[in-house]
C-alpha atoms as a PDB file:
ATOM      1  CA  MET A   1      65.094 -37.124  73.603  1.00  0.00           C
ATOM      2  CA  LEU A   2      61.660 -38.199  74.867  1.00  0.00           C
ATOM      3  CA  THR A   3      59.209 -38.081  71.960  1.00  0.00           C
ATOM      4  CA  ARG A   4      56.153 -39.220  73.912  1.00  0.00           C
ATOM      5  CA  ALA A   5      55.525 -37.821  77.341  1.00  0.00           C
ATOM      6  CA  VAL A   6      53.441 -40.569  78.843  1.00  0.00           C
ATOM      7  CA  VAL A   7      53.964 -43.617  76.673  1.00  0.00           C
ATOM      8  CA  VAL A   8      57.042 -45.812  76.788  1.00  0.00           C
ATOM      9  CA  PHE A   9      57.282 -48.442  74.096  1.00  0.00           C
ATOM     10  CA  LEU A  10      58.884 -51.843  74.562  1.00  0.00           C
ATOM     11  CA  ILE A  11      59.767 -53.504  71.271  1.00  0.00           C
ATOM     12  CA  PHE A  12      59.571 -57.183  70.654  1.00  0.00           C
ATOM     13  CA  LYS A  13      59.756 -59.300  67.538  1.00  0.00           C
ATOM     14  CA  ILE A  14      57.485 -62.228  66.986  1.00  0.00           C
ATOM     15  CA  GLN A  15      58.278 -64.752  64.321  1.00  0.00           C
ATOM     16  CA  ILE A  16      55.049 -65.995  62.780  1.00  0.00           C
ATOM     17  CA  ALA A  17      55.014 -68.029  59.567  1.00  0.00           C
ATOM     18  CA  CYS A  18      58.197 -66.523  58.109  1.00  0.00           C
ATOM     19  CA  MET A  19      57.138 -63.021  59.123  1.00  0.00           C
ATOM     20  CA  THR A  20      59.057 -60.884  61.593  1.00  0.00           C
ATOM     21  CA  LEU A  21      56.783 -58.086  62.734  1.00  0.00           C
ATOM     22  CA  PRO A  22      57.963 -55.517  65.296  1.00  0.00           C
ATOM     23  CA  ILE A  23      55.529 -55.324  68.222  1.00  0.00           C
ATOM     24  CA  ASP A  24      55.355 -52.173  70.329  1.00  0.00           C
ATOM     25  CA  PHE A  25      53.690 -52.455  73.746  1.00  0.00           C
ATOM     26  CA  GLU A  26      52.495 -49.368  75.566  1.00  0.00           C
ATOM     27  CA  SER A  27      53.674 -48.958  79.143  1.00  0.00           C
ATOM     28  CA  SER A  28      50.262 -49.934  80.573  1.00  0.00           C
ATOM     29  CA  CYS A  29      50.884 -53.504  79.342  1.00  0.00           C
ATOM     30  CA  SER A  30      52.611 -55.376  82.168  1.00  0.00           C
ATOM     31  CA  ALA A  31      55.174 -58.136  81.641  1.00  0.00           C
ATOM     32  CA  ASP A  32      52.515 -60.801  82.331  1.00  0.00           C
ATOM     33  CA  LYS A  33      50.177 -59.245  79.784  1.00  0.00           C
ATOM     34  CA  ARG A  34      52.914 -59.018  77.183  1.00  0.00           C
ATOM     35  CA  SER A  35      53.784 -62.663  77.738  1.00  0.00           C
ATOM     36  CA  ALA A  36      50.121 -63.705  77.436  1.00  0.00           C
ATOM     37  CA  PHE A  37      49.828 -61.671  74.239  1.00  0.00           C
ATOM     38  CA  ARG A  38      52.849 -63.361  72.667  1.00  0.00           C
ATOM     39  CA  GLU A  39      51.568 -66.837  73.608  1.00  0.00           C
ATOM     40  CA  SER A  40      47.946 -66.267  72.574  1.00  0.00           C
ATOM     41  CA  GLN A  41      46.640 -68.518  69.827  1.00  0.00           C
ATOM     42  CA  LYS A  42      44.318 -65.785  68.575  1.00  0.00           C
ATOM     43  CA  VAL A  43      47.278 -63.389  68.186  1.00  0.00           C
ATOM     44  CA  LYS A  44      49.273 -65.991  66.271  1.00  0.00           C
ATOM     45  CA  GLN A  45      46.305 -66.628  64.010  1.00  0.00           C
ATOM     46  CA  PHE A  46      45.832 -62.895  63.394  1.00  0.00           C
ATOM     47  CA  LEU A  47      49.508 -62.338  62.551  1.00  0.00           C
ATOM     48  CA  SER A  48      49.497 -65.405  60.332  1.00  0.00           C
ATOM     49  CA  LYS A  49      46.672 -63.876  58.287  1.00  0.00           C
ATOM     50  CA  LEU A  50      48.611 -60.611  57.969  1.00  0.00           C
ATOM     51  CA  SER A  51      51.606 -62.543  56.648  1.00  0.00           C
ATOM     52  CA  SER A  52      49.731 -64.582  54.045  1.00  0.00           C
ATOM     53  CA  PRO A  53      50.854 -63.938  50.439  1.00  0.00           C
ATOM     54  CA  GLU A  54      47.289 -63.108  49.357  1.00  0.00           C
ATOM     55  CA  PHE A  55      46.842 -60.455  52.070  1.00  0.00           C
ATOM     56  CA  SER A  56      50.342 -59.059  51.560  1.00  0.00           C
ATOM     57  CA  HIS A  57      49.427 -58.198  47.971  1.00  0.00           C
ATOM     58  CA  THR A  58      46.872 -55.685  49.247  1.00  0.00           C
ATOM     59  CA  PHE A  59      48.384 -54.507  52.559  1.00  0.00           C
ATOM     60  CA  LYS A  60      51.967 -54.740  53.783  1.00  0.00           C
ATOM     61  CA  ALA A  61      52.007 -54.805  57.596  1.00  0.00           C
ATOM     62  CA  GLU A  62      55.158 -53.240  59.061  1.00  0.00           C
ATOM     63  CA  ARG A  63      54.492 -52.791  62.780  1.00  0.00           C
ATOM     64  CA  LEU A  64      51.958 -53.666  65.447  1.00  0.00           C
ATOM     65  CA  VAL A  65      51.230 -51.304  68.335  1.00  0.00           C
ATOM     66  CA  VAL A  66      49.475 -52.860  71.350  1.00  0.00           C
ATOM     67  CA  HIS A  67      47.560 -50.242  73.329  1.00  0.00           C
ATOM     68  CA  GLU A  68      45.636 -52.334  75.842  1.00  0.00           C
ATOM     69  CA  ILE A  69      45.306 -55.978  76.907  1.00  0.00           C
ATOM     70  CA  SER A  70      42.416 -57.415  78.929  1.00  0.00           C
ATOM     71  CA  MET A  71      43.031 -60.708  80.675  1.00  0.00           C
ATOM     72  CA  PHE A  72      40.745 -63.698  81.250  1.00  0.00           C
ATOM     73  CA  GLY A  73      42.534 -65.174  84.237  1.00  0.00           C
ATOM     74  CA  LYS A  74      46.024 -65.960  82.941  1.00  0.00           C
ATOM     75  CA  MET A  75      44.964 -65.859  79.287  1.00  0.00           C
ATOM     76  CA  MET A  76      44.645 -62.871  77.012  1.00  0.00           C
ATOM     77  CA  GLY A  77      40.988 -62.085  76.459  1.00  0.00           C
ATOM     78  CA  PHE A  78      40.813 -58.914  74.378  1.00  0.00           C
ATOM     79  CA  SER A  79      43.343 -56.440  73.077  1.00  0.00           C
ATOM     80  CA  TYR A  80      43.242 -53.142  71.239  1.00  0.00           C
ATOM     81  CA  VAL A  81      45.964 -52.803  68.627  1.00  0.00           C
ATOM     82  CA  THR A  82      46.990 -50.679  65.660  1.00  0.00           C
ATOM     83  CA  VAL A  83      48.496 -52.268  62.565  1.00  0.00           C
ATOM     84  CA  LEU A  84      50.784 -49.892  60.681  1.00  0.00           C
ATOM     85  CA  GLY A  85      51.419 -50.704  57.037  1.00  0.00           C
ATOM     86  CA  ARG A  86      51.316 -49.666  53.422  1.00  0.00           C
ATOM     87  CA  LYS A  87      48.178 -49.847  51.316  1.00  0.00           C
ATOM     88  CA  PRO A  88      48.880 -50.659  48.527  1.00  0.00           C
ATOM     89  CA  PRO A  89      52.179 -52.358  49.451  1.00  0.00           C
ATOM     90  CA  ASP A  90      54.265 -50.143  47.157  1.00  0.00           C
ATOM     91  CA  SER A  91      52.805 -46.936  48.577  1.00  0.00           C
ATOM     92  CA  ASP A  92      55.063 -44.362  50.245  1.00  0.00           C
ATOM     93  CA  LYS A  93      52.412 -43.653  52.856  1.00  0.00           C
ATOM     94  CA  VAL A  94      52.071 -45.669  56.073  1.00  0.00           C
ATOM     95  CA  VAL A  95      48.441 -45.964  57.160  1.00  0.00           C
ATOM     96  CA  PRO A  96      47.016 -47.180  60.494  1.00  0.00           C
ATOM     97  CA  SER A  97      44.356 -49.891  60.853  1.00  0.00           C
ATOM     98  CA  TYR A  98      42.716 -50.088  64.266  1.00  0.00           C
ATOM     99  CA  VAL A  99      41.734 -53.534  65.482  1.00  0.00           C
ATOM    100  CA  PHE A 100      39.751 -54.845  68.442  1.00  0.00           C
ATOM    101  CA  LEU A 101      41.402 -58.266  68.726  1.00  0.00           C
ATOM    102  CA  ARG A 102      39.239 -60.986  70.285  1.00  0.00           C
ATOM    103  CA  GLY A 103      39.587 -64.068  68.082  1.00  0.00           C
ATOM    104  CA  ASP A 104      37.038 -66.549  66.737  1.00  0.00           C
ATOM    105  CA  ALA A 105      33.728 -67.535  68.310  1.00  0.00           C
ATOM    106  CA  VAL A 106      30.999 -70.148  67.878  1.00  0.00           C
ATOM    107  CA  CYS A 107      27.233 -69.752  67.790  1.00  0.00           C
ATOM    108  CA  VAL A 108      24.415 -72.293  67.880  1.00  0.00           C
ATOM    109  CA  LEU A 109      20.872 -71.813  66.618  1.00  0.00           C
ATOM    110  CA  VAL A 110      18.763 -74.116  68.797  1.00  0.00           C
ATOM    111  CA  VAL A 111      15.466 -75.378  67.352  1.00  0.00           C
ATOM    112  CA  LEU A 112      13.271 -77.566  69.555  1.00  0.00           C
ATOM    113  CA  ILE A 113      10.468 -79.451  67.782  1.00  0.00           C
ATOM    114  CA  ASP A 114       7.320 -80.685  69.518  1.00  0.00           C
ATOM    115  CA  SER A 115       7.368 -84.448  68.954  1.00  0.00           C
ATOM    116  CA  LYS A 116       3.555 -84.582  68.884  1.00  0.00           C
ATOM    117  CA  THR A 117       2.478 -81.463  66.960  1.00  0.00           C
ATOM    118  CA  GLY A 118       5.639 -80.718  64.988  1.00  0.00           C
ATOM    119  CA  SER A 119       5.601 -77.070  66.100  1.00  0.00           C
ATOM    120  CA  ARG A 120       9.033 -75.508  66.445  1.00  0.00           C
ATOM    121  CA  HIS A 121      10.547 -73.154  69.025  1.00  0.00           C
ATOM    122  CA  ILE A 122      13.800 -71.207  68.976  1.00  0.00           C
ATOM    123  CA  LEU A 123      15.668 -71.342  72.298  1.00  0.00           C
ATOM    124  CA  VAL A 124      17.634 -68.128  72.882  1.00  0.00           C
ATOM    125  CA  THR A 125      19.318 -66.195  75.685  1.00  0.00           C
ATOM    126  CA  GLN A 126      18.393 -62.829  77.156  1.00  0.00           C
ATOM    127  CA  GLN A 127      20.960 -60.706  78.968  1.00  0.00           C
ATOM    128  CA  THR A 128      22.247 -57.192  79.536  1.00  0.00           C
ATOM    129  CA  ARG A 129      24.799 -56.023  76.961  1.00  0.00           C
ATOM    130  CA  VAL A 130      26.626 -52.918  78.172  1.00  0.00           C
ATOM    131  CA  PRO A 131      28.485 -52.112  74.890  1.00  0.00           C
ATOM    132  CA  ALA A 132      25.154 -52.044  73.036  1.00  0.00           C
ATOM    133  CA  GLY A 133      23.306 -50.280  75.861  1.00  0.00           C
ATOM    134  CA  GLU A 134      20.682 -53.035  75.707  1.00  0.00           C
ATOM    135  CA  PRO A 135      19.177 -54.198  79.031  1.00  0.00           C
ATOM    136  CA  TYR A 136      17.450 -57.311  77.637  1.00  0.00           C
ATOM    137  CA  LEU A 137      19.157 -58.328  74.410  1.00  0.00           C
ATOM    138  CA  ILE A 138      17.834 -61.546  72.863  1.00  0.00           C
ATOM    139  CA  GLU A 139      20.651 -63.582  71.324  1.00  0.00           C
ATOM    140  CA  ALA A 140      21.554 -66.961  69.929  1.00  0.00           C
ATOM    141  CA  CYS A 141      23.775 -69.033  72.226  1.00  0.00           C
ATOM    142  CA  ALA A 142      27.454 -68.199  71.583  1.00  0.00           C
ATOM    143  CA  GLY A 143      30.932 -68.094  73.069  1.00  0.00           C
ATOM    144  CA  MET A 144      34.562 -67.245  72.332  1.00  0.00           C
ATOM    145  CA  LEU A 145      37.094 -69.902  71.422  1.00  0.00           C
ATOM    146  CA  ASP A 146      39.867 -68.301  73.508  1.00  0.00           C
ATOM    147  CA  GLU A 147      42.731 -70.824  73.317  1.00  0.00           C
ATOM    148  CA  GLU A 148      40.514 -73.774  72.352  1.00  0.00           C
ATOM    149  CA  LYS A 149      40.739 -75.018  68.750  1.00  0.00           C
ATOM    150  CA  ASN A 150      37.778 -77.426  68.692  1.00  0.00           C
ATOM    151  CA  LEU A 151      34.713 -75.466  67.575  1.00  0.00           C
ATOM    152  CA  ARG A 152      32.228 -78.162  68.542  1.00  0.00           C
ATOM    153  CA  SER A 153      33.575 -78.662  72.061  1.00  0.00           C
ATOM    154  CA  VAL A 154      33.217 -74.915  72.748  1.00  0.00           C
ATOM    155  CA  ALA A 155      29.707 -74.944  71.282  1.00  0.00           C
ATOM    156  CA  ILE A 156      28.470 -77.768  73.518  1.00  0.00           C
ATOM    157  CA  LYS A 157      30.128 -76.132  76.549  1.00  0.00           C
ATOM    158  CA  GLU A 158      28.298 -72.865  75.876  1.00  0.00           C
ATOM    159  CA  MET A 159      24.997 -74.698  75.352  1.00  0.00           C
ATOM    160  CA  ALA A 160      25.371 -76.410  78.717  1.00  0.00           C
ATOM    161  CA  GLU A 161      26.271 -73.146  80.486  1.00  0.00           C
ATOM    162  CA  GLU A 162      23.740 -70.841  78.831  1.00  0.00           C
ATOM    163  CA  LEU A 163      20.825 -73.133  77.947  1.00  0.00           C
ATOM    164  CA  THR A 164      21.328 -76.160  80.269  1.00  0.00           C
ATOM    165  CA  LEU A 165      21.228 -78.345  77.150  1.00  0.00           C
ATOM    166  CA  VAL A 166      23.667 -81.259  77.224  1.00  0.00           C
ATOM    167  CA  ILE A 167      24.401 -82.700  73.781  1.00  0.00           C
ATOM    168  CA  ASN A 168      27.082 -84.539  71.801  1.00  0.00           C
ATOM    169  CA  GLU A 169      29.349 -82.961  69.204  1.00  0.00           C
ATOM    170  CA  LYS A 170      27.814 -85.125  66.466  1.00  0.00           C
ATOM    171  CA  ASP A 171      24.433 -83.462  67.122  1.00  0.00           C
ATOM    172  CA  LEU A 172      25.710 -80.134  65.728  1.00  0.00           C
ATOM    173  CA  ILE A 173      24.991 -79.346  62.075  1.00  0.00           C
ATOM    174  CA  PRO A 174      27.186 -76.707  60.366  1.00  0.00           C
ATOM    175  CA  LEU A 175      25.142 -73.724  59.105  1.00  0.00           C
ATOM    176  CA  HIS A 176      27.973 -71.325  58.210  1.00  0.00           C
ATOM    177  CA  THR A 177      31.734 -71.864  58.037  1.00  0.00           C
ATOM    178  CA  GLY A 178      32.394 -68.449  59.547  1.00  0.00           C
ATOM    179  CA  PHE A 179      31.313 -64.818  59.034  1.00  0.00           C
ATOM    180  CA  TYR A 180      32.710 -61.467  60.207  1.00  0.00           C
ATOM    181  CA  PRO A 181      30.054 -59.391  62.028  1.00  0.00           C
ATOM    182  CA  SER A 182      32.215 -56.251  62.131  1.00  0.00           C
ATOM    183  CA  ALA A 183      35.256 -56.656  59.870  1.00  0.00           C
ATOM    184  CA  GLY A 184      35.901 -52.910  59.752  1.00  0.00           C
ATOM    185  CA  GLY A 185      37.239 -52.883  63.299  1.00  0.00           C
ATOM    186  CA  CYS A 186      37.256 -56.397  64.769  1.00  0.00           C
ATOM    187  CA  ASP A 187      38.925 -59.689  63.827  1.00  0.00           C
ATOM    188  CA  GLU A 188      36.135 -61.830  65.296  1.00  0.00           C
ATOM    189  CA  LYS A 189      34.902 -64.612  63.023  1.00  0.00           C
ATOM    190  CA  ILE A 190      31.771 -66.475  64.104  1.00  0.00           C
ATOM    191  CA  HIS A 191      31.245 -70.139  63.179  1.00  0.00           C
ATOM    192  CA  LEU A 192      27.544 -71.032  63.128  1.00  0.00           C
ATOM    193  CA  PHE A 193      25.953 -74.385  63.962  1.00  0.00           C
ATOM    194  CA  LEU A 194      22.406 -75.715  64.123  1.00  0.00           C
ATOM    195  CA  PHE A 195      21.018 -77.972  66.839  1.00  0.00           C
ATOM    196  CA  GLU A 196      17.586 -79.410  66.039  1.00  0.00           C
ATOM    197  CA  LYS A 197      15.832 -81.862  68.336  1.00  0.00           C
ATOM    198  CA  LYS A 198      12.370 -83.418  68.721  1.00  0.00           C
ATOM    199  CA  LEU A 199      11.178 -83.376  72.342  1.00  0.00           C
ATOM    200  CA  PRO A 200       7.905 -83.760  74.270  1.00  0.00           C
ATOM    201  CA  HIS A 201       5.985 -80.496  74.723  1.00  0.00           C
ATOM    202  CA  ASP A 202       6.496 -80.340  78.504  1.00  0.00           C
ATOM    203  CA  VAL A 203      10.251 -80.898  78.137  1.00  0.00           C
ATOM    204  CA  ILE A 204      10.484 -78.034  75.638  1.00  0.00           C
ATOM    205  CA  LEU A 205       8.613 -75.704  78.018  1.00  0.00           C
ATOM    206  CA  SER A 206      11.002 -76.635  80.848  1.00  0.00           C
ATOM    207  CA  PHE A 207      13.809 -74.752  79.062  1.00  0.00           C
ATOM    208  CA  ASN A 208      11.923 -71.441  79.198  1.00  0.00           C
ATOM    209  CA  LYS A 209      12.852 -68.675  81.674  1.00  0.00           C
ATOM    210  CA  LYS A 210      15.773 -70.482  83.282  1.00  0.00           C
ATOM    211  CA  ARG A 211      18.431 -68.439  85.093  1.00  0.00           C
ATOM    212  CA  THR A 212      21.802 -69.552  83.760  1.00  0.00           C
ATOM    213  CA  GLY A 213      25.309 -68.343  82.924  1.00  0.00           C
ATOM    214  CA  ASN A 214      28.868 -68.804  84.139  1.00  0.00           C
ATOM    215  CA  ALA A 215      29.193 -66.995  87.469  1.00  0.00           C
ATOM    216  CA  SER A 216      32.988 -66.873  87.165  1.00  0.00           C
ATOM    217  CA  GLU A 217      32.514 -64.833  83.963  1.00  0.00           C
ATOM    218  CA  ASN A 218      29.877 -62.583  85.602  1.00  0.00           C
ATOM    219  CA  GLU A 219      27.155 -63.904  83.308  1.00  0.00           C
ATOM    220  CA  THR A 220      23.499 -63.429  84.251  1.00  0.00           C
ATOM    221  CA  ILE A 221      21.361 -65.052  81.579  1.00  0.00           C
ATOM    222  CA  THR A 222      17.683 -65.895  81.234  1.00  0.00           C
ATOM    223  CA  THR A 223      16.590 -68.424  78.625  1.00  0.00           C
ATOM    224  CA  LYS A 224      13.641 -67.683  76.356  1.00  0.00           C
ATOM    225  CA  LEU A 225      11.514 -69.772  73.985  1.00  0.00           C
ATOM    226  CA  ILE A 226      10.231 -68.072  70.836  1.00  0.00           C
ATOM    227  CA  PRO A 227       7.756 -69.786  68.475  1.00  0.00           C
ATOM    228  CA  TYR A 228       9.454 -70.296  65.110  1.00  0.00           C
ATOM    229  CA  GLU A 229       6.782 -68.412  63.134  1.00  0.00           C
ATOM    230  CA  GLU A 230       7.104 -65.442  65.491  1.00  0.00           C
ATOM    231  CA  ALA A 231      10.904 -65.474  65.242  1.00  0.00           C
ATOM    232  CA  ILE A 232      10.749 -65.491  61.431  1.00  0.00           C
ATOM    233  CA  SER A 233       8.049 -62.821  61.149  1.00  0.00           C
ATOM    234  CA  ASN A 234      10.128 -60.531  63.404  1.00  0.00           C
ATOM    235  CA  ILE A 235      13.464 -61.324  61.760  1.00  0.00           C
ATOM    236  CA  GLY A 236      13.853 -57.707  60.664  1.00  0.00           C
ATOM    237  CA  ASN A 237      13.532 -56.503  64.262  1.00  0.00           C
ATOM    238  CA  HIS A 238      16.034 -58.805  65.981  1.00  0.00           C
ATOM    239  CA  LEU A 239      19.119 -56.904  67.181  1.00  0.00           C
ATOM    240  CA  ASP A 240      21.513 -59.850  67.405  1.00  0.00           C
ATOM    241  CA  ALA A 241      23.248 -60.428  64.053  1.00  0.00           C
ATOM    242  CA  LYS A 242      24.032 -64.056  64.953  1.00  0.00           C
ATOM    243  CA  LEU A 243      20.348 -64.795  65.489  1.00  0.00           C
ATOM    244  CA  VAL A 244      19.275 -63.010  62.291  1.00  0.00           C
ATOM    245  CA  ILE A 245      21.805 -64.902  60.157  1.00  0.00           C
ATOM    246  CA  GLY A 246      20.996 -68.203  61.855  1.00  0.00           C
ATOM    247  CA  LEU A 247      17.241 -67.805  61.326  1.00  0.00           C
ATOM    248  CA  ALA A 248      17.695 -66.772  57.690  1.00  0.00           C
ATOM    249  CA  LEU A 249      19.921 -69.772  56.933  1.00  0.00           C
ATOM    250  CA  TYR A 250      17.565 -72.113  58.792  1.00  0.00           C
ATOM    251  CA  LYS A 251      14.579 -70.765  56.837  1.00  0.00           C
ATOM    252  CA  ILE A 252      16.451 -71.397  53.578  1.00  0.00           C
ATOM    253  CA  ARG A 253      17.360 -74.887  54.765  1.00  0.00           C
ATOM    254  CA  HIS A 254      13.806 -75.623  55.923  1.00  0.00           C
ATOM    255  CA  GLY A 255      12.279 -73.955  52.871  1.00  0.00           C
ATOM    256  CA  VAL A 256      14.007 -76.439  50.556  1.00  0.00           C
ATOM    257  CA  GLY A 257      11.897 -79.182  52.106  1.00  0.00           C
ATOM    258  CA  GLU A 258       8.762 -77.040  51.809  1.00  0.00           C
ATOM    259  CA  ARG A 259       9.412 -76.321  48.129  1.00  0.00           C
ATOM    260  CA  ARG A 260       9.979 -79.992  47.400  1.00  0.00           C
ATOM    261  CA  SER A 261       6.738 -80.819  49.187  1.00  0.00           C
ATOM    262  CA  GLY A 262       4.973 -78.109  47.173  1.00  0.00           C
ATOM    263  CA  ILE A 263       6.267 -79.532  43.902  1.00  0.00           C
ATOM    264  CA  LEU A 264       5.018 -82.979  44.898  1.00  0.00           C
ATOM    265  CA  ASP A 265       1.601 -81.472  45.705  1.00  0.00           C
ATOM    266  CA  VAL A 266       1.467 -79.796  42.297  1.00  0.00           C
ATOM    267  CA  LEU A 267       2.415 -83.062  40.606  1.00  0.00           C
ATOM    268  CA  ALA A 268      -0.240 -84.903  42.576  1.00  0.00           C
ATOM    269  CA  ILE A 269      -2.887 -82.370  41.536  1.00  0.00           C
ATOM    270  CA  ALA A 270      -1.714 -82.585  37.916  1.00  0.00           C
ATOM    271  CA  VAL A 271      -1.998 -86.385  37.998  1.00  0.00           C
ATOM    272  CA  LEU A 272      -5.473 -86.099  39.557  1.00  0.00           C
ATOM    273  CA  ILE A 273      -6.646 -83.650  36.880  1.00  0.00           C
ATOM    274  CA  ALA A 274      -5.201 -85.866  34.154  1.00  0.00           C
ATOM    275  CA  GLY A 275      -7.001 -88.867  35.654  1.00  0.00           C
ATOM    276  CA  ILE A 276     -10.323 -87.029  35.838  1.00  0.00           C
ATOM    277  CA  SER A 277      -9.886 -85.786  32.266  1.00  0.00           C
ATOM    278  CA  LEU A 278      -9.126 -89.298  31.050  1.00  0.00           C
ATOM    279  CA  TYR A 279     -12.156 -90.637  32.917  1.00  0.00           C
ATOM    280  CA  TYR A 280     -14.502 -88.104  31.339  1.00  0.00           C
ATOM    281  CA  PHE A 281     -12.895 -88.624  27.945  1.00  0.00           C
ATOM    282  CA  LEU A 282     -13.544 -92.360  28.157  1.00  0.00           C
ATOM    283  CA  CYS A 283     -17.061 -91.778  29.449  1.00  0.00           C
ATOM    284  CA  TRP A 284     -17.775 -89.361  26.603  1.00  0.00           C
ATOM    285  CA  ASP A 285     -16.320 -91.862  24.161  1.00  0.00           C
ATOM    286  CA  ASN A 286     -18.669 -94.586  25.483  1.00  0.00           C
ATOM    287  CA  PHE A 287     -21.583 -92.141  25.465  1.00  0.00           C
ATOM    288  CA  SER A 288     -20.872 -91.248  21.849  1.00  0.00           C
ATOM    289  CA  ILE A 289     -20.731 -94.886  20.768  1.00  0.00           C
ATOM    290  CA  LYS A 290     -23.946 -95.748  22.588  1.00  0.00           C
ATOM    291  CA  TYR A 291     -26.190 -92.791  21.772  1.00  0.00           C
ATOM    292  CA  MET A 292     -24.825 -91.141  18.655  1.00  0.00           C
END
């Protein structure tokens, strides 16, 4: 008897880290898409997390339903899935958890410092973001890992494509080991790096208002330079979470140096006051001996 009029499910089992989880694909998922899904590194990583002993104590996954798969060439790009399981594990009730599966990503906060004046600029991208309905969204440079495992190699590739900055992996400074911007519905984890470089003023200005992006990925990007003080003063108005987090962490990192400098200034003033006091004390002592 046909229980669903339009949907035909094909059941597969994927063995991931001692976990056999039934996978149901809806009929819209072709054989090529199903194959790409099974071979995807991001899928294996996701299922591995579901099977971990720590996670299994809070949620027991029993079945995965794949509703839609979007391809990036021959690779799986995005997928929309439902995880069916018990929460808590000993519950009699099976509950659904809906997931937009896209895998990990990297982000780089780029700070360019004027080698003569020391003034800093944040180099960002500006592009249309349809999901957000934003025609000119200002963002920190970022990109998906897809099937790549090396965070730094993806970061420098994205910087070259989006900002026309060519750097070495060793130039990247870790700012955050990975945060979830929308853990309620998406598995994406963003790893954040800092790139900080002293350059001549004219070289810094040359990175402003460049038209960039990967044409094969339909990217149309314009670069933008924002003075550091302006970026920080408007931190509560930025719409890109990556940029907000990056600026906040950079301010904390930079502020440590400022606080240390401030402490040294206070100590210097204290020493100066002590010296002046000692001088006047000695002078008064001499005055007392001579005239009193």
